[in-house]
Protein backbone atom coordinates (compact mmCIF):
# COMPACT_ATOMS: atom_id res chain seq x y z
CA MET A 1 -22.39 5.51 -1.05
CA LEU A 2 -24.57 3.66 0.71
CA SER A 3 -23.73 1.27 3.38
CA ALA A 4 -24.53 -2.59 3.08
CA ARG A 5 -27.67 -3.04 4.96
CA ARG A 6 -29.11 -6.44 6.88
CA ARG A 7 -32.40 -8.03 4.86
CA VAL A 8 -35.53 -7.16 6.22
CA THR A 9 -38.76 -7.88 5.95
CA ALA A 10 -41.04 -5.30 3.79
CA ALA A 11 -43.30 -4.25 6.66
CA ALA A 12 -39.90 -3.28 8.68
CA ALA A 13 -38.27 -1.41 5.42
CA THR A 14 -41.36 0.32 5.13
CA ALA A 15 -41.11 1.63 9.01
CA VAL A 16 -37.76 2.60 8.16
CA VAL A 17 -38.27 4.70 5.24
CA THR A 18 -41.51 6.63 6.63
CA THR A 19 -39.66 7.13 10.08
CA LEU A 20 -36.66 8.80 7.34
CA LEU A 21 -39.24 10.47 5.81
CA LEU A 22 -41.14 12.00 8.87
CA ALA A 23 -37.63 13.19 10.29
CA SER A 24 -36.88 14.74 7.02
CA CYS A 25 -40.25 16.73 7.34
CA GLY A 26 -40.10 18.05 10.47
CA ASP A 27 -36.84 19.41 10.03
CA SER A 28 -37.95 21.87 7.13
CA ASP A 29 -40.36 24.12 6.03
CA SER A 30 -42.71 23.20 3.25
CA GLY A 31 -42.08 24.41 -0.01
CA SER A 32 -42.58 28.13 -0.88
CA SER A 33 -43.39 29.45 -4.31
CA ASP A 34 -43.06 33.12 -3.29
CA GLY A 35 -39.95 33.63 -5.45
CA LYS A 36 -37.97 34.45 -2.06
CA THR A 37 -36.65 31.07 -0.92
CA LEU A 38 -34.48 28.38 -2.58
CA ARG A 39 -34.52 25.30 -0.47
CA LEU A 40 -31.24 23.35 -1.37
CA TRP A 41 -30.49 19.81 -0.35
CA HIS A 42 -26.45 18.42 -0.90
CA TYR A 43 -24.73 15.53 1.29
CA GLU A 44 -21.23 16.74 0.61
CA GLY A 45 -19.04 17.18 3.39
CA PRO A 46 -18.30 20.60 5.08
CA ASP A 47 -14.54 20.62 3.88
CA SER A 48 -15.04 18.83 0.71
CA ALA A 49 -14.14 20.54 -2.67
CA MET A 50 -17.68 20.55 -3.61
CA ALA A 51 -19.49 21.92 -0.36
CA ILE A 52 -16.89 24.63 -0.30
CA ALA A 53 -17.38 25.81 -4.20
CA TRP A 54 -21.37 25.34 -3.36
CA ASN A 55 -20.86 27.67 -0.18
CA ALA A 56 -19.29 30.02 -2.26
CA ALA A 57 -21.99 30.22 -5.05
CA ILE A 58 -25.05 30.60 -2.31
CA LYS A 59 -22.94 33.49 -1.45
CA GLU A 60 -22.54 34.44 -5.13
CA PHE A 61 -26.29 33.58 -5.41
CA GLU A 62 -27.56 35.80 -2.86
CA LYS A 63 -25.59 38.60 -3.68
CA THR A 64 -26.95 38.24 -7.46
CA HIS A 65 -30.88 38.00 -6.38
CA PRO A 66 -31.26 40.79 -3.62
CA GLY A 67 -34.36 39.20 -0.95
CA VAL A 68 -33.62 35.84 -1.86
CA GLU A 69 -32.66 33.50 0.88
CA VAL A 70 -31.15 30.14 0.31
CA LYS A 71 -32.31 27.68 2.66
CA PHE A 72 -29.93 24.99 2.48
CA GLU A 73 -30.33 21.73 3.99
CA GLU A 74 -27.39 19.20 4.84
CA LYS A 75 -28.89 15.70 4.48
CA GLY A 76 -27.18 12.15 4.63
CA PHE A 77 -26.27 10.35 1.46
CA GLU A 78 -28.18 7.38 2.59
CA GLN A 79 -31.28 9.41 3.69
CA ILE A 80 -31.71 11.18 0.68
CA GLN A 81 -31.42 7.51 -1.34
CA LYS A 82 -34.00 5.96 0.75
CA THR A 83 -36.70 8.62 0.78
CA ALA A 84 -36.35 10.52 -2.38
CA PRO A 85 -39.00 8.65 -4.27
CA MET A 86 -41.59 9.29 -1.09
CA VAL A 87 -40.16 13.02 -0.38
CA LEU A 88 -40.30 13.86 -4.18
CA ASN A 89 -43.93 12.97 -4.27
CA SER A 90 -45.11 15.01 -1.05
CA ASP A 91 -45.25 18.74 -0.20
CA ASP A 92 -41.45 18.76 1.24
CA ALA A 93 -39.56 18.55 -1.94
CA PRO A 94 -36.82 21.06 -1.83
CA ASP A 95 -36.44 23.35 -5.14
CA LEU A 96 -32.94 21.70 -6.00
CA MET A 97 -31.39 18.40 -4.82
CA GLU A 98 -28.13 16.75 -5.16
CA TYR A 99 -28.72 13.10 -6.17
CA ASN A 100 -26.70 9.99 -7.02
CA LYS A 101 -26.45 9.22 -11.00
CA GLY A 102 -27.08 6.19 -12.66
CA ASN A 103 -29.78 3.92 -14.04
CA ALA A 104 -30.62 2.96 -10.40
CA THR A 105 -31.03 6.11 -8.87
CA ALA A 106 -31.70 9.24 -11.29
CA GLY A 107 -33.15 6.96 -14.01
CA HIS A 108 -35.21 5.37 -11.60
CA LEU A 109 -36.65 8.52 -10.53
CA SER A 110 -36.98 10.30 -13.61
CA ARG A 111 -39.16 7.26 -15.08
CA GLN A 112 -41.40 7.54 -11.89
CA GLY A 113 -42.17 11.27 -13.51
CA LEU A 114 -40.56 12.60 -10.54
CA LEU A 115 -37.57 15.17 -11.77
CA THR A 116 -37.97 18.03 -14.20
CA ASP A 117 -37.09 17.86 -17.76
CA LEU A 118 -33.90 20.47 -17.98
CA SER A 119 -33.57 19.83 -21.96
CA ALA A 120 -34.52 23.38 -22.71
CA GLU A 121 -32.75 25.04 -19.89
CA VAL A 122 -29.47 22.88 -20.79
CA THR A 123 -29.50 24.39 -24.38
CA LYS A 124 -30.39 28.19 -23.32
CA ARG A 125 -27.86 28.41 -20.66
CA GLY A 126 -25.03 26.15 -22.67
CA TRP A 127 -24.34 23.55 -20.28
CA ASP A 128 -24.29 20.90 -22.75
CA LYS A 129 -21.16 22.42 -23.97
CA LYS A 130 -19.39 22.69 -21.06
CA LEU A 131 -19.55 18.89 -20.60
CA SER A 132 -17.61 16.41 -22.27
CA ALA A 133 -19.42 12.87 -23.84
CA GLY A 134 -18.42 10.96 -20.85
CA VAL A 135 -20.15 13.11 -18.44
CA ARG A 136 -23.21 14.22 -20.36
CA THR A 137 -23.47 10.22 -20.41
CA THR A 138 -25.23 10.25 -16.70
CA SER A 139 -27.30 13.40 -17.29
CA ARG A 140 -29.71 11.97 -19.69
CA TYR A 141 -32.42 9.27 -19.28
CA ASP A 142 -34.66 7.70 -22.01
CA ALA A 143 -38.24 6.78 -21.09
CA LYS A 144 -37.08 3.34 -19.38
CA GLY A 145 -34.45 5.48 -16.66
CA VAL A 146 -31.77 3.91 -19.03
CA MET A 147 -28.82 6.61 -18.93
CA GLY A 148 -27.09 7.68 -22.09
CA SER A 149 -29.49 9.32 -24.00
CA GLY A 150 -33.40 10.89 -23.76
CA LYS A 151 -33.99 13.96 -21.85
CA TRP A 152 -31.61 15.85 -19.61
CA PHE A 153 -32.80 15.30 -15.93
CA GLY A 154 -29.67 15.91 -14.26
CA ILE A 155 -26.50 18.51 -14.56
CA PRO A 156 -23.29 17.74 -12.81
CA ASN A 157 -20.71 20.71 -12.19
CA TYR A 158 -17.78 18.33 -11.17
CA ALA A 159 -16.30 14.65 -12.35
CA GLU A 160 -15.02 11.90 -10.47
CA TYR A 161 -12.72 9.07 -10.72
CA THR A 162 -11.37 6.23 -9.04
CA MET A 163 -7.15 6.49 -9.01
CA VAL A 164 -4.31 4.49 -6.68
CA PHE A 165 -3.70 6.55 -3.84
CA TYR A 166 -0.34 5.65 -2.21
CA ASN A 167 1.75 6.56 0.79
CA LYS A 168 4.83 7.42 -0.28
CA ASP A 169 6.65 7.56 3.09
CA LEU A 170 5.61 3.69 3.66
CA PHE A 171 7.00 2.75 0.25
CA ALA A 172 10.09 4.10 1.12
CA LYS A 173 10.53 2.72 4.06
CA TYR A 174 10.25 -0.84 2.54
CA GLY A 175 12.26 0.39 -0.33
CA ILE A 176 9.76 0.21 -2.72
CA ALA A 177 9.22 2.25 -5.93
CA GLU A 178 6.15 3.63 -7.31
CA PRO A 179 4.67 0.95 -9.24
CA ARG A 180 4.49 1.73 -13.06
CA THR A 181 2.97 -1.35 -14.31
CA PHE A 182 0.58 -4.23 -13.09
CA ASP A 183 3.63 -6.71 -12.29
CA GLU A 184 5.23 -3.83 -10.16
CA LEU A 185 2.30 -3.16 -8.25
CA THR A 186 1.49 -7.05 -7.58
CA ALA A 187 5.57 -7.18 -6.81
CA ALA A 188 5.01 -4.14 -3.93
CA MET A 189 2.28 -5.64 -2.53
CA ASP A 190 4.19 -8.93 -2.06
CA THR A 191 6.68 -7.02 -0.35
CA PHE A 192 4.41 -5.22 2.05
CA VAL A 193 2.92 -9.05 2.67
CA ASP A 194 6.30 -10.33 3.38
CA LYS A 195 6.88 -7.44 6.22
CA GLY A 196 3.77 -8.01 7.99
CA VAL A 197 1.37 -4.93 6.36
CA THR A 198 -1.79 -5.61 4.75
CA PRO A 199 -0.97 -3.70 1.61
CA LEU A 200 -5.13 -2.61 0.52
CA ALA A 201 -7.43 -0.55 2.26
CA ASN A 202 -10.71 -1.89 1.92
CA ALA A 203 -14.23 -2.07 3.05
CA GLY A 204 -16.18 -5.20 2.40
CA ALA A 205 -19.50 -3.58 3.96
CA GLU A 206 -19.96 -0.63 1.49
CA TYR A 207 -18.33 0.11 -2.06
CA MET A 208 -14.69 -0.25 -1.95
CA ALA A 209 -14.31 -4.15 -2.31
CA GLN A 210 -16.73 -4.01 -5.28
CA GLN A 211 -15.06 -1.63 -7.20
CA TYR A 212 -11.82 -3.18 -6.59
CA LEU A 213 -13.18 -6.35 -8.13
CA TYR A 214 -15.04 -3.94 -10.94
CA GLN A 215 -11.54 -2.29 -11.83
CA LEU A 216 -9.78 -6.01 -12.25
CA ALA A 217 -12.59 -6.69 -14.44
CA LEU A 218 -12.16 -3.49 -16.32
CA SER A 219 -8.82 -4.34 -17.04
CA LYS A 220 -9.29 -7.11 -19.36
CA ALA A 221 -12.75 -4.88 -21.03
CA ASP A 222 -13.42 -2.28 -23.24
CA ARG A 223 -16.07 0.05 -24.14
CA ALA A 224 -18.38 -2.15 -25.77
CA TRP A 225 -18.15 -4.55 -22.55
CA VAL A 226 -18.86 -1.87 -20.42
CA ASP A 227 -21.93 -0.36 -22.56
CA SER A 228 -23.69 -3.46 -22.76
CA TYR A 229 -23.25 -4.12 -19.11
CA GLN A 230 -24.15 -0.58 -18.30
CA LEU A 231 -26.47 0.39 -20.76
CA PHE A 232 -27.89 -2.61 -22.36
CA GLU A 233 -26.26 -2.45 -25.80
CA GLY A 234 -25.89 -6.06 -25.98
CA GLU A 235 -26.22 -9.31 -23.74
CA PRO A 236 -23.32 -9.12 -20.68
CA ASP A 237 -21.91 -12.67 -20.05
CA PHE A 238 -20.67 -12.72 -16.61
CA HIS A 239 -18.72 -15.41 -17.17
CA ASP A 240 -16.23 -14.26 -19.62
CA ALA A 241 -12.85 -13.69 -19.66
CA ALA A 242 -12.98 -10.15 -17.74
CA TRP A 243 -15.54 -11.23 -14.98
CA THR A 244 -13.78 -14.62 -14.56
CA TYR A 245 -10.24 -12.74 -14.02
CA GLY A 246 -11.78 -10.00 -11.85
CA ALA A 247 -13.69 -12.31 -9.26
CA LYS A 248 -10.66 -14.60 -9.55
CA THR A 249 -8.09 -12.42 -8.88
CA PHE A 250 -9.99 -10.70 -6.19
CA ALA A 251 -10.29 -13.81 -4.11
CA ASP A 252 -7.02 -14.61 -5.11
CA TRP A 253 -5.83 -11.52 -3.20
CA VAL A 254 -7.56 -12.16 -0.25
CA ASP A 255 -5.94 -15.20 -0.29
CA LYS A 256 -2.26 -13.69 -0.64
CA GLY A 257 -3.07 -11.28 2.20
CA TYR A 258 -3.35 -8.57 0.06
CA ILE A 259 -6.59 -7.47 1.10
CA SER A 260 -7.25 -8.57 4.65
CA GLU A 261 -10.57 -11.05 5.55
CA LYS A 262 -11.28 -8.56 8.42
CA SER A 263 -11.94 -5.90 6.34
CA THR A 264 -15.38 -7.72 5.44
CA SER A 265 -17.23 -5.76 7.90
CA THR A 266 -15.37 -2.66 7.20
CA LYS A 267 -16.69 0.70 5.89
CA ALA A 268 -15.29 3.27 3.74
CA GLU A 269 -14.48 5.92 6.22
CA ASP A 270 -12.47 3.20 8.29
CA ALA A 271 -10.60 2.56 5.02
CA GLY A 272 -9.83 6.22 4.47
CA LEU A 273 -8.75 6.28 7.97
CA SER A 274 -6.93 3.66 7.65
CA PHE A 275 -4.89 5.27 4.57
CA MET A 276 -4.76 8.61 6.64
CA GLN A 277 -3.38 7.42 9.68
CA GLY A 278 -0.50 5.75 7.78
CA LYS A 279 -1.47 2.05 8.52
CA SER A 280 -2.70 0.80 4.72
CA PRO A 281 0.16 2.02 2.03
CA ILE A 282 -2.39 1.72 -0.56
CA LEU A 283 -6.28 2.57 -1.54
CA LEU A 284 -8.15 2.23 -4.76
CA SER A 285 -10.69 4.86 -4.14
CA GLY A 286 -12.31 7.70 -5.74
CA SER A 287 -11.60 11.44 -6.21
CA TRP A 288 -13.59 12.64 -3.75
CA TRP A 289 -11.13 11.65 -1.07
CA TYR A 290 -8.82 13.89 -2.79
CA GLY A 291 -9.63 17.10 -0.59
CA ARG A 292 -9.41 15.29 2.47
CA PHE A 293 -5.99 13.48 1.91
CA ALA A 294 -4.75 16.76 0.88
CA ALA A 295 -5.98 18.62 4.16
CA GLU A 296 -5.49 15.51 6.72
CA ASN A 297 -2.62 13.56 5.53
CA LYS A 298 0.68 13.88 7.67
CA PHE A 299 3.13 12.03 5.14
CA ASP A 300 3.73 11.94 1.67
CA TRP A 301 1.57 10.62 -0.64
CA GLY A 302 0.60 9.95 -4.68
CA THR A 303 -1.53 8.55 -6.96
CA PHE A 304 -1.53 7.05 -10.17
CA LEU A 305 -4.12 5.66 -12.32
CA TRP A 306 -4.64 2.08 -12.07
CA PRO A 307 -1.65 0.43 -14.47
CA GLU A 308 -2.10 -1.03 -17.78
CA SER A 309 -6.28 -0.61 -17.99
CA ASP A 310 -7.56 1.63 -20.54
CA MET A 311 -10.79 1.69 -18.29
CA THR A 312 -11.50 2.89 -14.74
CA LEU A 313 -14.38 3.54 -12.57
CA GLY A 314 -15.38 7.29 -12.94
CA SER A 315 -18.15 9.56 -14.49
CA GLY A 316 -19.78 13.29 -14.19
CA GLY A 317 -20.24 13.97 -10.29
CA ASN A 318 -23.57 13.38 -8.68
CA LEU A 319 -26.23 15.53 -10.56
CA TRP A 320 -28.11 18.63 -9.65
CA VAL A 321 -31.55 17.61 -10.23
CA VAL A 322 -35.07 19.94 -10.14
CA PRO A 323 -37.89 17.76 -8.65
CA LYS A 324 -41.14 17.81 -10.40
CA GLY A 325 -42.64 19.80 -7.17
CA SER A 326 -39.92 22.39 -7.02
CA GLU A 327 -41.87 25.71 -6.45
CA ASN A 328 -38.94 27.98 -7.36
CA LYS A 329 -37.53 26.16 -10.54
CA GLU A 330 -36.02 29.47 -12.22
CA LEU A 331 -34.50 29.90 -9.12
CA ALA A 332 -32.61 26.18 -8.93
CA TYR A 333 -31.61 26.75 -12.65
CA ASP A 334 -29.88 30.43 -11.89
CA PHE A 335 -27.80 28.37 -9.04
CA ILE A 336 -26.80 25.50 -11.16
CA ASP A 337 -25.95 28.16 -13.72
CA ILE A 338 -23.50 29.70 -10.75
CA THR A 339 -22.27 26.44 -9.90
CA MET A 340 -21.08 26.24 -13.44
CA SER A 341 -19.47 29.71 -13.64
CA GLU A 342 -16.04 29.80 -14.51
CA LYS A 343 -15.21 31.47 -10.74
CA ILE A 344 -16.83 28.49 -8.78
CA GLN A 345 -14.64 25.87 -11.24
CA ASN A 346 -11.86 27.38 -10.58
CA LEU A 347 -12.33 27.32 -6.96
CA LEU A 348 -13.35 24.09 -6.61
CA GLY A 349 -10.60 22.61 -9.01
CA ASN A 350 -8.05 24.19 -6.44
CA LYS A 351 -9.93 22.86 -3.57
CA GLY A 352 -9.35 19.33 -4.94
CA GLY A 353 -12.49 18.49 -7.11
CA VAL A 354 -12.38 17.93 -10.15
CA PRO A 355 -13.90 20.77 -12.12
CA VAL A 356 -15.98 20.32 -15.83
CA ALA A 357 -15.73 24.22 -16.89
CA ALA A 358 -12.55 25.46 -15.05
CA ASP A 359 -9.82 27.58 -16.29
CA PRO A 360 -6.60 25.19 -16.68
CA ALA A 361 -4.53 28.13 -16.15
CA ALA A 362 -6.47 29.23 -12.91
CA ILE A 363 -5.35 25.88 -11.09
CA THR A 364 -2.23 26.55 -9.49
CA ASP A 365 -2.18 24.06 -6.54
CA PRO A 366 0.13 21.19 -8.16
CA ARG A 367 -1.62 17.97 -6.79
CA ALA A 368 -4.92 19.21 -7.95
CA LYS A 369 -3.28 19.82 -11.66
CA SER A 370 -2.01 16.09 -11.67
CA LEU A 371 -5.53 14.89 -10.57
CA ILE A 372 -7.50 17.40 -13.55
CA ALA A 373 -4.62 16.20 -15.81
CA ASN A 374 -5.25 12.42 -14.97
CA PHE A 375 -9.03 12.93 -15.50
CA ASN A 376 -8.16 14.81 -19.03
CA ALA A 377 -6.25 11.45 -19.81
CA LEU A 378 -9.24 9.42 -18.98
CA SER A 379 -11.35 11.26 -20.93
CA GLU A 380 -9.54 11.64 -23.90
CA ARG A 381 -9.32 7.63 -24.11
CA ASP A 382 -13.19 7.25 -23.71
CA GLY A 383 -12.25 5.69 -20.18
CA LEU A 384 -14.79 6.15 -17.75
CA ALA A 385 -16.71 2.80 -17.03
CA PHE A 386 -19.10 4.28 -14.35
CA TYR A 387 -19.74 2.18 -11.02
CA PRO A 388 -20.66 -1.74 -10.89
CA ASP A 389 -23.74 -1.04 -8.74
CA TRP A 390 -25.55 1.47 -11.49
CA PRO A 391 -27.22 -1.05 -14.29
CA VAL A 392 -30.26 -1.76 -12.02
CA ALA A 393 -32.18 -1.26 -8.49
CA GLY A 394 -31.16 -2.90 -5.58
CA PHE A 395 -27.86 -4.16 -7.61
CA TYR A 396 -25.60 -2.25 -4.54
CA ASP A 397 -26.83 -4.14 -1.90
CA VAL A 398 -26.46 -7.70 -3.80
CA LEU A 399 -22.62 -6.61 -4.80
CA VAL A 400 -21.97 -6.03 -1.08
CA SER A 401 -23.19 -8.82 0.30
CA GLU A 402 -22.21 -11.59 -2.75
CA THR A 403 -18.36 -9.91 -2.57
CA GLN A 404 -18.42 -10.40 1.30
CA LYS A 405 -19.08 -13.95 0.37
CA LEU A 406 -16.10 -14.37 -2.03
CA MET A 407 -14.01 -12.60 0.79
CA THR A 408 -14.74 -14.83 3.47
CA GLY A 409 -14.59 -17.87 1.10
CA SER A 410 -18.00 -18.81 1.80
CA ALA A 411 -18.62 -18.81 -1.79
CA LYS A 412 -16.19 -19.79 -5.01
CA PRO A 413 -15.46 -17.42 -7.96
CA ASP A 414 -18.14 -18.95 -10.16
CA ALA A 415 -20.77 -18.88 -7.58
CA TYR A 416 -20.44 -15.44 -6.96
CA LEU A 417 -20.89 -14.42 -10.93
CA ASP A 418 -23.72 -16.77 -10.95
CA ALA A 419 -25.30 -14.61 -8.29
CA VAL A 420 -24.48 -11.67 -9.60
CA GLU A 421 -26.04 -12.57 -12.91
CA ALA A 422 -29.21 -13.58 -11.40
CA ALA A 423 -29.62 -10.10 -9.74
CA TYR A 424 -28.82 -8.37 -12.66
CA ASP A 425 -31.06 -10.37 -14.97
CA LYS A 426 -34.24 -9.61 -13.02
CA GLY A 427 -33.47 -6.03 -12.35
CA ALA A 428 -32.95 -5.59 -16.20
CA ALA A 429 -36.37 -7.40 -16.83
CA ASP A 430 -37.88 -5.27 -14.37
CA ARG A 431 -36.94 -2.10 -15.64
């Protein structure tokens, strides 16, 4: 996820992007169409389930493609996010790249004509048959760059969703049972506050705070509400019962001490570390943390889906996209195919990822089994509600800054919803 950024002048913003682009160009060779090199970019941490699986896929690819070298270049999420339109319009475009899904990201690039239409390969290689309906949504984009229909511009080989991570040892220390209902969750947080412990790890400077608010709204929402907001299948009302409940309850949680006002400037990594270090007993965040927590947590911990909500944040994972200027598209398709193979999917699942095409019997890790079972439960009830910043370009920064105002009390819930609505409407009109 992107970090919050200060508002800068257009000239300064251009300078930042240009600097990043030059840095990107300077550390790699230009594309080669000799069929002997596959240039691959992704931004997964080396210890993540995805990176472990993809490193295995690189070895498998090179074994099945004698004489072909995979040149993997690790990029930062923010670097790719900021520079992608310029890089993909240059000679430095890679052959295959991980990119964020959604209207404001992959949809935006597809609309600009910067991505390869993968529809024929999807049918030829049967990738569509391996992806559930909820996961497929973020793979296809129409002529306006809106997800859910149209051509295939990306392939996810994993899925993701948010859940409540909780520190079982801290719950036991304070005599608190695992919450099964929403009332039990808030009662647990009341107990922690009474004991001088801030219950929720949070990051106001990045994606976490807005995701808490969105999850609260989702607990009062349904599929039609999500599709109206995310897919423009209707006119969303930002002062309806769901949005109003989300904004008011989030502000109330700050007032009650469930969320620290000091976390306004905190980043996601800080929040994750607070949970990992045993300081924060509860964290709502995504399955992308799962493998790291499994490897690094020094305490007993568990997870559960947000109680009494049919919907939660989640989707297919980030996409493999093939830039329009890729010099070795067939090699890129072959690599995607390997990451979709049962061997790599099983490895991804056992390392703490959420595979889309694994053999359930091959997943042996107990926590991994629970992770995948909860995702399957969400999928079966059509409960993946995507992410709040997806609908329109530039919306992420608006949600960060406006949610920060809600945390500090400089904006009340109605003013927050007015600002979010204005930014959404402007972005929708520009799409």
